[in-house]
Structures are given as structure tokens and as C-alpha cells.
Amino acid sequence: MEEIKLEQLIALSEVCGISGFEGPVKALLKERLAGIAQVSYDKLGSIIFTSKSEETDAPKIMLASHMDEVGFLVKYITKEGFLQFYPIGGWFDQVLLSQRVILHGKKGDITGVIGSKPPHLMDQEERKQPVLKKAMYIDIGASSEAEARELGVYEGCPVTPDVKVAFLGNKREILAGKAWDNRIGCAIMADVMENIAAKVHPNTVYGVGTVQEEVGLRGAQTSANLLKPDIAFVLDTCAAGGTPGVTDDIAPAKMGKGIGITLFDGGILCNTALKELALETAATEKIPVQVAYGEGGTTDGARIHLSGAGVLTMVFSVPTRYIHSHQSVIDVNDYLSAVKLITALVEKIDKKVYTHLLEA
């Protein structure tokens, strides 16, 4: 893998941007695609990179990838200087304790640790129960509310996991880091926009970094309402199967087996004609793909496919282990498969193909 691409992947993982605070992610994407596509925004904060076709009435294809990651907001500062927090996005209580976090305060970043009442001080019944988020707090080493505020902490202060990317098993293909959901989708979108920039393609392509997906798919709705796309490719992650306790009927997509072509999830039945086109294209181009689905959770596709009079929508999922935690794991080969397949599809879809898809 090209070193520059790897550096860009790592930068996207390590940059901090929870829902509503996606600015640093937006800045990275804007820097990377400067001069490659026209830049605009919706009124909620989603960023839109446009690559136009010279053809009239060209199909409009939206590549949607959400920029936000799960995190927390400070909601209350105790008189002793501990911070009570509100989860932004879905967090499983058991992954939080003793994890290091970064508070993005008014005077700069502050390191904190998520704590709770220690088991040594619990009675036997308390030890049998999982510790809930509401019983946790963030410790920044402050001795009082006044000291915490002096450090720059405030109500509404965003908090993100404090994680650097690492290679598992010394393999440069297996990356552990935070926020692969959905910075890997942002990387795919940016790569595709770069790939098509120097080519004549038969459609208008919108590469969209959406905001606030983790709290209700909000940027997907506003950006789709603005753009009115004909086709949408949603670039996201799915919970990878193949780990202990996870059977194939629950999570069929596995790391390293190719990009997942999603059949359905909790918010969408993906377009059948687009699915067949994706499978056919993958076979022709010899791109590894696999079936993906999820009975719980959904993606930006749930809002996009219902916008306007409807949008032909397909969700492509990078199988990812341990999503919505401090450490998630991907195989970069799945990411590369996604870039190749989406690029090939964008180059293939013209007015004739779109009409066929619409009438299928």
C-alpha cells in the first residue's frame, strides 16, 4: 500500500470529531481534495465535493460517508472537579471503564480517564452488577470545580477517545484505531473523488462528508434534500463476523474478504438492481466482495433513500471489529476493494444505465 495513503488513513482515524464537532475531519478532507472538486456545504455542516459531467441531464451520484465518531459531552462538573458526561452515539457500558479520553477544552486538549467506584470498595452484590455509564465520571486530575474550569472544561465540552493507530501482528494491513466508523468511509470517498478527477465520467458525482450520523442520520437528510441525487452509494462499516461467539448467520461479512455489499439493515432494503450491478462489476473487475447485513442499526442510507421522490441506494460496508469502542480493527485490503469497486461503478453508470436501474 502506498505510504501516503497509509498516512492519510491514520490521520483520519486519529483526528477528533464527535457528532456536532466534525470541523477537524472536514478540514482534513478539504485539504486533501483541494483543487480536485468544487466545495460547498449544507446548512447543518456537511461538506460536499462536486465533480461535474459535461453531459446534460447526467445522473447525479451521491457518495455519502459520515465524518462523526461516537464520543461524549461534559454535562456537569462536580464541586470536587470530576466530570459527569453524556454519551454521543451508541456506547456499550462495559467498554468504557479506565479508558483514556481527550477533552477539547477552551484552552486546548486535556487528558482524562473514565473512572467509577472501585471494586475494592463495593459489597458483594455491587460486584455482581455491571457498572453503568451513569455511575461513571471523567477524572482530569482537578481538585475542584474551579480548577476544572480554569483548565478550560465547560458544560458541553466535547470528549473523544485518546487512541493512536497501531498495526496488529506487525501487519501493515491490519489497523487498530478509533473512529474507523466511519473515517474509513471518508477515505474511500476521497480516494474515489481523486480517481475520477482526471477522467471524463458520464455523471455528476457528489462526495459528501455528512455530519451527525451517530445521533440520528441528520446530515444525510439535509444533504440529500439539498442535492436531490438519483443514486446514492453509502460508504460505511459493519460489525465484522468471524470472531468467537459470532455466527455467520448474524454477521456474514469478515475482515479481509472484500468490501461488504449490504442487503439490508435496520433502516433500509438496499436497491436490488444496484446490488446486481455491483456484483456483476466486481466479478468483471475481479474485485473481492461479500454479502453483508445487520438486523440492528443502520446507516445514512436509511434517510437518503427516502428523500424527495426516493433515491436508488446501495450501502457498502467495510467489515470492522469492535466498532463503537476505543479500539476498532480493519483490514486495509477491504478498503482498497471498496475504492476499486465504487470507482468502477461511477465510471459505468450513465443515463442509459440509470434508466435501466430505475425501470428494473
Protein backbone atom coordinates (compact mmCIF):
# COMPACT_ATOMS: atom_id res chain seq x y z
CA MET A 1 0.00 0.00 0.00
CA GLU A 2 1.26 3.47 -0.85
CA GLU A 3 2.79 5.10 2.24
CA ILE A 4 0.99 8.39 1.58
CA LYS A 5 -2.39 6.63 1.59
CA LEU A 6 -1.49 4.91 4.85
CA GLU A 7 -0.55 8.24 6.39
CA GLN A 8 -3.86 9.70 5.25
CA LEU A 9 -5.77 6.77 6.76
CA ILE A 10 -4.00 7.16 10.09
CA ALA A 11 -4.65 10.91 10.12
CA LEU A 12 -8.38 10.34 9.53
CA SER A 13 -8.57 7.84 12.38
CA GLU A 14 -6.67 9.93 14.89
CA VAL A 15 -8.33 13.28 14.19
CA CYS A 16 -11.10 14.05 16.68
CA GLY A 17 -14.66 14.90 15.68
CA ILE A 18 -17.74 13.69 17.51
CA SER A 19 -21.24 14.45 16.25
CA GLY A 20 -21.72 18.20 16.05
CA PHE A 21 -17.96 18.84 16.23
CA GLU A 22 -16.81 17.43 12.88
CA GLY A 23 -14.77 20.50 11.90
CA PRO A 24 -11.28 18.91 12.16
CA VAL A 25 -12.36 15.98 9.95
CA LYS A 26 -13.89 18.38 7.45
CA ALA A 27 -10.63 20.33 7.34
CA LEU A 28 -8.61 17.19 6.54
CA LEU A 29 -10.93 16.24 3.68
CA LYS A 30 -10.99 19.79 2.35
CA GLU A 31 -7.18 19.94 2.34
CA ARG A 32 -6.90 16.60 0.60
CA LEU A 33 -9.43 17.35 -2.16
CA ALA A 34 -8.40 20.96 -2.71
CA GLY A 35 -8.35 21.69 -6.44
CA ILE A 36 -9.90 18.32 -7.25
CA ALA A 37 -13.57 19.14 -6.73
CA GLN A 38 -15.82 22.11 -6.08
CA VAL A 39 -16.59 22.57 -2.38
CA SER A 40 -19.92 23.53 -0.86
CA TYR A 41 -21.91 22.83 2.30
CA ASP A 42 -25.38 22.12 3.53
CA LYS A 43 -26.73 24.24 6.37
CA LEU A 44 -26.13 21.56 9.03
CA GLY A 45 -22.39 21.36 8.32
CA SER A 46 -21.99 18.50 5.86
CA ILE A 47 -19.26 19.14 3.27
CA ILE A 48 -19.93 18.45 -0.43
CA PHE A 49 -17.25 17.85 -3.08
CA THR A 50 -18.68 18.06 -6.60
CA SER A 51 -17.22 16.60 -9.81
CA LYS A 52 -19.48 17.53 -12.72
CA SER A 53 -20.06 15.79 -16.01
CA GLU A 54 -20.13 17.79 -19.22
CA GLU A 55 -23.20 15.86 -20.34
CA THR A 56 -26.65 17.37 -19.94
CA ASP A 57 -29.11 15.59 -17.68
CA ALA A 58 -26.30 13.40 -16.35
CA PRO A 59 -27.26 11.12 -13.45
CA LYS A 60 -26.37 12.55 -10.03
CA ILE A 61 -24.49 10.11 -7.82
CA MET A 62 -24.01 10.80 -4.12
CA LEU A 63 -21.11 9.15 -2.25
CA ALA A 64 -22.12 9.55 1.39
CA SER A 65 -19.71 8.96 4.26
CA HIS A 66 -20.32 10.32 7.74
CA MET A 67 -17.48 12.20 9.41
CA ASP A 68 -18.57 11.97 13.04
CA GLU A 69 -17.43 9.46 15.63
CA VAL A 70 -19.02 8.39 18.90
CA GLY A 71 -17.85 10.26 21.98
CA PHE A 72 -19.16 12.24 24.93
CA LEU A 73 -20.15 15.70 26.15
CA VAL A 74 -19.42 17.05 29.60
CA LYS A 75 -22.77 17.73 31.24
CA TYR A 76 -21.84 18.57 34.83
CA ILE A 77 -18.74 19.46 36.87
CA THR A 78 -18.85 18.34 40.49
CA LYS A 79 -17.53 20.55 43.28
CA GLU A 80 -14.64 18.06 43.63
CA GLY A 81 -13.65 18.57 39.97
CA PHE A 82 -14.94 15.32 38.47
CA LEU A 83 -16.88 15.44 35.22
CA GLN A 84 -20.19 13.75 34.55
CA PHE A 85 -20.73 13.00 30.87
CA TYR A 86 -23.40 12.33 28.29
CA PRO A 87 -22.75 9.72 25.57
CA ILE A 88 -22.88 10.93 21.97
CA GLY A 89 -23.78 7.90 19.88
CA GLY A 90 -24.19 4.31 21.00
CA TRP A 91 -21.78 3.15 23.72
CA PHE A 92 -21.75 -0.25 25.42
CA ASP A 93 -21.14 0.49 29.11
CA GLN A 94 -18.63 -2.32 29.52
CA VAL A 95 -16.08 -0.84 27.10
CA LEU A 96 -15.68 2.47 28.94
CA LEU A 97 -14.06 1.97 32.34
CA SER A 98 -10.42 3.00 32.77
CA GLN A 99 -10.17 4.23 29.19
CA ARG A 100 -8.22 7.39 28.43
CA VAL A 101 -10.07 10.29 26.76
CA ILE A 102 -9.30 13.74 25.41
CA LEU A 103 -11.35 16.76 26.46
CA HIS A 104 -11.30 19.50 23.86
CA GLY A 105 -11.48 22.48 26.19
CA LYS A 106 -11.42 26.20 25.71
CA LYS A 107 -7.68 26.34 26.40
CA GLY A 108 -6.65 23.23 24.50
CA ASP A 109 -6.79 19.47 24.90
CA ILE A 110 -6.86 17.84 28.33
CA THR A 111 -6.25 14.18 29.11
CA GLY A 112 -8.78 12.37 31.27
CA VAL A 113 -9.59 8.86 32.49
CA ILE A 114 -13.04 7.32 32.84
CA GLY A 115 -13.48 6.10 36.40
CA SER A 116 -16.04 4.73 38.83
CA LYS A 117 -16.29 3.42 42.36
CA PRO A 118 -13.52 0.78 42.63
CA PRO A 119 -14.49 -2.89 43.15
CA HIS A 120 -12.40 -2.96 46.33
CA LEU A 121 -14.99 -0.66 47.91
CA MET A 122 -18.08 -2.50 46.61
CA ASP A 123 -20.08 -5.02 48.57
CA GLN A 124 -20.65 -8.49 47.14
CA GLU A 125 -23.94 -7.60 45.43
CA GLU A 126 -22.49 -4.50 43.79
CA ARG A 127 -19.59 -6.53 42.35
CA LYS A 128 -22.03 -8.84 40.57
CA GLN A 129 -23.57 -5.98 38.59
CA PRO A 130 -22.04 -4.21 35.57
CA VAL A 131 -21.12 -0.59 36.16
CA LEU A 132 -23.48 1.68 34.23
CA LYS A 133 -22.47 4.87 32.42
CA LYS A 134 -24.48 6.96 34.86
CA ALA A 135 -22.18 5.78 37.67
CA MET A 136 -19.02 6.74 35.77
CA TYR A 137 -17.17 10.04 35.62
CA ILE A 138 -14.11 11.55 33.95
CA ASP A 139 -11.10 12.30 36.11
CA ILE A 140 -8.81 15.07 34.81
CA GLY A 141 -6.78 15.42 37.99
CA ALA A 142 -8.59 18.57 39.10
CA SER A 143 -9.19 19.09 42.80
CA SER A 144 -12.23 21.35 42.43
CA GLU A 145 -14.84 22.67 40.04
CA ALA A 146 -12.93 25.96 39.89
CA GLU A 147 -9.71 24.19 38.87
CA ALA A 148 -11.53 22.19 36.18
CA ARG A 149 -12.97 25.38 34.74
CA GLU A 150 -9.58 27.07 34.90
CA LEU A 151 -8.22 24.22 32.78
CA GLY A 152 -10.82 25.09 30.13
CA VAL A 153 -13.53 22.50 30.82
CA TYR A 154 -17.12 23.64 30.35
CA GLU A 155 -20.61 22.20 30.06
CA GLY A 156 -20.95 20.88 26.54
CA CYS A 157 -17.20 20.29 26.16
CA PRO A 158 -16.66 17.50 23.57
CA VAL A 159 -14.76 14.38 24.61
CA THR A 160 -13.16 11.78 22.34
CA PRO A 161 -11.24 8.53 22.91
CA ASP A 162 -7.48 9.03 23.23
CA VAL A 163 -6.13 6.44 20.76
CA LYS A 164 -3.25 6.20 18.29
CA VAL A 165 -3.35 3.79 15.35
CA ALA A 166 -1.40 0.55 15.78
CA PHE A 167 -0.62 -2.40 13.49
CA LEU A 168 -1.77 -5.77 14.80
CA GLY A 169 0.63 -8.68 14.48
CA ASN A 170 3.13 -6.34 12.83
CA LYS A 171 0.98 -6.44 9.70
CA ARG A 172 0.62 -3.11 7.95
CA GLU A 173 -2.71 -4.35 6.57
CA ILE A 174 -4.42 -4.78 9.96
CA LEU A 175 -5.03 -1.44 11.65
CA ALA A 176 -6.37 -0.88 15.16
CA GLY A 177 -7.58 2.60 16.00
CA LYS A 178 -10.54 4.72 16.94
CA ALA A 179 -13.30 6.04 14.68
CA TRP A 180 -12.95 3.66 11.73
CA ASP A 181 -16.72 4.02 11.88
CA ASN A 182 -16.70 5.98 9.71
CA ARG A 183 -13.38 7.55 8.82
CA ILE A 184 -12.67 4.56 6.60
CA GLY A 185 -15.76 5.57 4.59
CA CYS A 186 -14.39 9.11 4.35
CA ALA A 187 -11.12 7.70 2.99
CA ILE A 188 -12.99 5.67 0.36
CA MET A 189 -14.98 8.71 -0.72
CA ALA A 190 -11.85 10.87 -1.00
CA ASP A 191 -9.99 8.19 -2.99
CA VAL A 192 -12.85 7.80 -5.46
CA MET A 193 -13.09 11.56 -5.96
CA GLU A 194 -9.34 11.60 -6.69
CA ASN A 195 -9.65 8.67 -9.09
CA ILE A 196 -12.35 10.29 -11.22
CA ALA A 197 -10.91 13.81 -11.16
CA ALA A 198 -8.67 13.29 -14.19
CA LYS A 199 -11.25 11.33 -16.17
CA VAL A 200 -14.31 12.12 -18.22
CA HIS A 201 -17.19 10.41 -16.45
CA PRO A 202 -20.84 10.24 -17.54
CA ASN A 203 -22.42 11.65 -14.38
CA THR A 204 -22.20 14.31 -11.72
CA VAL A 205 -20.64 12.95 -8.53
CA TYR A 206 -21.10 14.41 -5.07
CA GLY A 207 -18.63 13.21 -2.45
CA VAL A 208 -20.34 14.10 0.82
CA GLY A 209 -18.93 14.07 4.33
CA THR A 210 -22.12 14.03 6.37
CA VAL A 211 -22.49 15.22 9.95
CA GLN A 212 -24.32 13.84 12.97
CA GLU A 213 -24.91 10.33 11.66
CA GLU A 214 -24.32 8.77 15.07
CA VAL A 215 -27.14 10.78 16.63
CA GLY A 216 -29.84 10.29 14.02
CA LEU A 217 -28.52 10.37 10.43
CA ARG A 218 -29.12 14.11 10.39
CA GLY A 219 -26.57 15.31 7.83
CA ALA A 220 -27.68 12.58 5.43
CA GLN A 221 -31.17 14.04 5.38
CA THR A 222 -30.14 17.66 4.90
CA SER A 223 -27.50 16.97 2.24
CA ALA A 224 -29.78 14.62 0.28
CA ASN A 225 -32.57 17.20 0.42
CA LEU A 226 -30.14 19.76 -1.00
CA LEU A 227 -28.57 17.63 -3.73
CA LYS A 228 -31.57 15.54 -4.83
CA PRO A 229 -29.37 12.66 -6.06
CA ASP A 230 -30.55 9.95 -8.43
CA ILE A 231 -28.28 7.29 -6.96
CA ALA A 232 -26.55 7.06 -3.58
CA PHE A 233 -23.64 4.87 -2.55
CA VAL A 234 -23.36 4.94 1.23
CA LEU A 235 -19.83 4.13 2.42
CA ASP A 236 -19.75 2.87 5.99
CA THR A 237 -18.77 -0.03 8.25
CA CYS A 238 -20.49 -3.13 9.54
CA ALA A 239 -19.81 -5.33 12.55
CA ALA A 240 -17.38 -7.97 11.32
CA GLY A 241 -18.13 -11.64 11.84
CA GLY A 242 -15.68 -14.48 12.25
CA THR A 243 -14.85 -13.76 15.90
CA PRO A 244 -15.61 -16.07 18.87
CA GLY A 245 -19.32 -16.14 19.69
CA VAL A 246 -20.40 -14.53 16.40
CA THR A 247 -22.00 -16.91 13.92
CA ASP A 248 -22.22 -16.40 10.16
CA ASP A 249 -26.00 -16.02 10.19
CA ILE A 250 -25.64 -12.97 12.44
CA ALA A 251 -22.64 -11.31 10.80
CA PRO A 252 -21.58 -12.91 7.49
CA ALA A 253 -19.03 -10.28 6.43
CA LYS A 254 -15.48 -10.90 7.65
CA MET A 255 -12.31 -8.84 7.65
CA GLY A 256 -10.03 -9.44 4.69
CA LYS A 257 -12.68 -10.99 2.43
CA GLY A 258 -13.57 -7.87 0.45
CA ILE A 259 -15.99 -4.99 0.67
CA GLY A 260 -19.43 -5.88 2.00
CA ILE A 261 -22.41 -5.38 -0.29
CA THR A 262 -25.25 -4.80 2.14
CA LEU A 263 -28.57 -6.49 1.52
CA PHE A 264 -30.47 -4.85 4.38
CA ASP A 265 -30.12 -3.36 7.83
CA GLY A 266 -32.45 -1.88 10.42
CA GLY A 267 -33.35 1.09 8.22
CA ILE A 268 -33.09 0.08 4.56
CA LEU A 269 -33.66 -2.63 1.99
CA CYS A 270 -30.92 -1.82 -0.49
CA ASN A 271 -31.84 -1.44 -4.16
CA THR A 272 -31.81 -4.85 -5.85
CA ALA A 273 -30.81 -3.58 -9.30
CA LEU A 274 -27.85 -1.69 -7.85
CA LYS A 275 -26.83 -4.78 -5.90
CA GLU A 276 -26.80 -6.87 -9.08
CA LEU A 277 -24.81 -4.19 -10.92
CA ALA A 278 -22.28 -4.10 -8.07
CA LEU A 279 -21.90 -7.91 -8.06
CA GLU A 280 -21.56 -8.02 -11.86
CA THR A 281 -18.97 -5.24 -11.86
CA ALA A 282 -16.99 -6.87 -9.06
CA ALA A 283 -16.91 -10.16 -10.98
CA THR A 284 -15.78 -8.45 -14.19
CA GLU A 285 -13.08 -6.43 -12.45
CA LYS A 286 -12.05 -9.35 -10.19
CA ILE A 287 -12.69 -7.32 -7.04
CA PRO A 288 -13.33 -9.36 -3.86
CA VAL A 289 -16.77 -8.70 -2.39
CA GLN A 290 -19.03 -10.36 0.16
CA VAL A 291 -22.59 -10.16 1.37
CA ALA A 292 -23.28 -8.05 4.46
CA TYR A 293 -26.36 -7.34 6.54
CA GLY A 294 -27.36 -6.33 10.03
CA GLU A 295 -30.62 -6.74 11.88
CA GLY A 296 -29.85 -3.88 14.23
CA GLY A 297 -28.54 -0.42 13.47
CA THR A 298 -28.49 1.43 10.18
CA THR A 299 -26.57 4.00 8.12
CA ASP A 300 -27.11 7.28 6.30
CA GLY A 301 -28.82 5.21 3.61
CA ALA A 302 -31.94 4.99 5.76
CA ARG A 303 -32.55 8.73 5.33
CA ILE A 304 -31.12 9.19 1.85
CA HIS A 305 -33.20 6.53 0.10
CA LEU A 306 -36.41 8.15 1.37
CA SER A 307 -35.51 11.73 0.45
CA GLY A 308 -37.51 13.51 -2.24
CA ALA A 309 -39.29 11.02 -4.50
CA GLY A 310 -36.79 8.33 -3.45
CA VAL A 311 -33.16 7.57 -4.29
CA LEU A 312 -31.69 4.34 -5.66
CA THR A 313 -29.40 3.47 -2.75
CA MET A 314 -26.71 0.88 -2.06
CA VAL A 315 -24.74 0.54 1.17
CA PHE A 316 -21.14 -0.67 1.02
CA SER A 317 -19.73 -1.83 4.35
CA VAL A 318 -16.14 -2.31 5.47
CA PRO A 319 -16.18 -5.20 8.00
CA THR A 320 -14.86 -3.75 11.24
CA ARG A 321 -14.26 -5.38 14.60
CA TYR A 322 -15.20 -3.69 17.88
CA ILE A 323 -17.00 -0.66 16.44
CA HIS A 324 -18.24 1.95 18.92
CA SER A 325 -15.35 1.38 21.28
CA HIS A 326 -11.93 2.92 21.88
CA GLN A 327 -10.30 0.35 19.60
CA SER A 328 -11.72 -0.86 16.28
CA VAL A 329 -9.91 -3.02 13.73
CA ILE A 330 -9.95 -3.06 9.92
CA ASP A 331 -8.13 -4.79 7.07
CA VAL A 332 -6.97 -2.19 4.55
CA ASN A 333 -7.47 -4.68 1.72
CA ASP A 334 -11.24 -4.36 2.21
CA TYR A 335 -10.88 -0.60 1.93
CA LEU A 336 -8.88 -0.94 -1.30
CA SER A 337 -11.56 -3.28 -2.71
CA ALA A 338 -14.19 -0.66 -1.94
CA VAL A 339 -12.26 2.09 -3.72
CA LYS A 340 -11.84 -0.05 -6.85
CA LEU A 341 -15.49 -1.12 -6.94
CA ILE A 342 -17.01 2.32 -6.31
CA THR A 343 -14.70 3.90 -8.89
CA ALA A 344 -15.69 1.27 -11.47
CA LEU A 345 -19.39 1.78 -10.77
CA VAL A 346 -19.14 5.56 -11.06
CA GLU A 347 -17.39 5.20 -14.42
CA LYS A 348 -20.01 2.72 -15.65
CA ILE A 349 -23.26 4.47 -14.73
CA ASP A 350 -24.55 6.78 -17.44
CA LYS A 351 -28.04 7.92 -18.47
CA LYS A 352 -28.79 4.61 -20.17
CA VAL A 353 -27.66 2.52 -17.19
CA TYR A 354 -29.55 4.77 -14.77
CA THR A 355 -32.76 4.41 -16.80
CA HIS A 356 -32.34 0.62 -16.75
CA LEU A 357 -31.79 0.67 -12.98
CA LEU A 358 -34.81 2.91 -12.47
CA GLU A 359 -37.08 0.64 -14.51
CA ALA A 360 -35.78 -2.66 -13.12
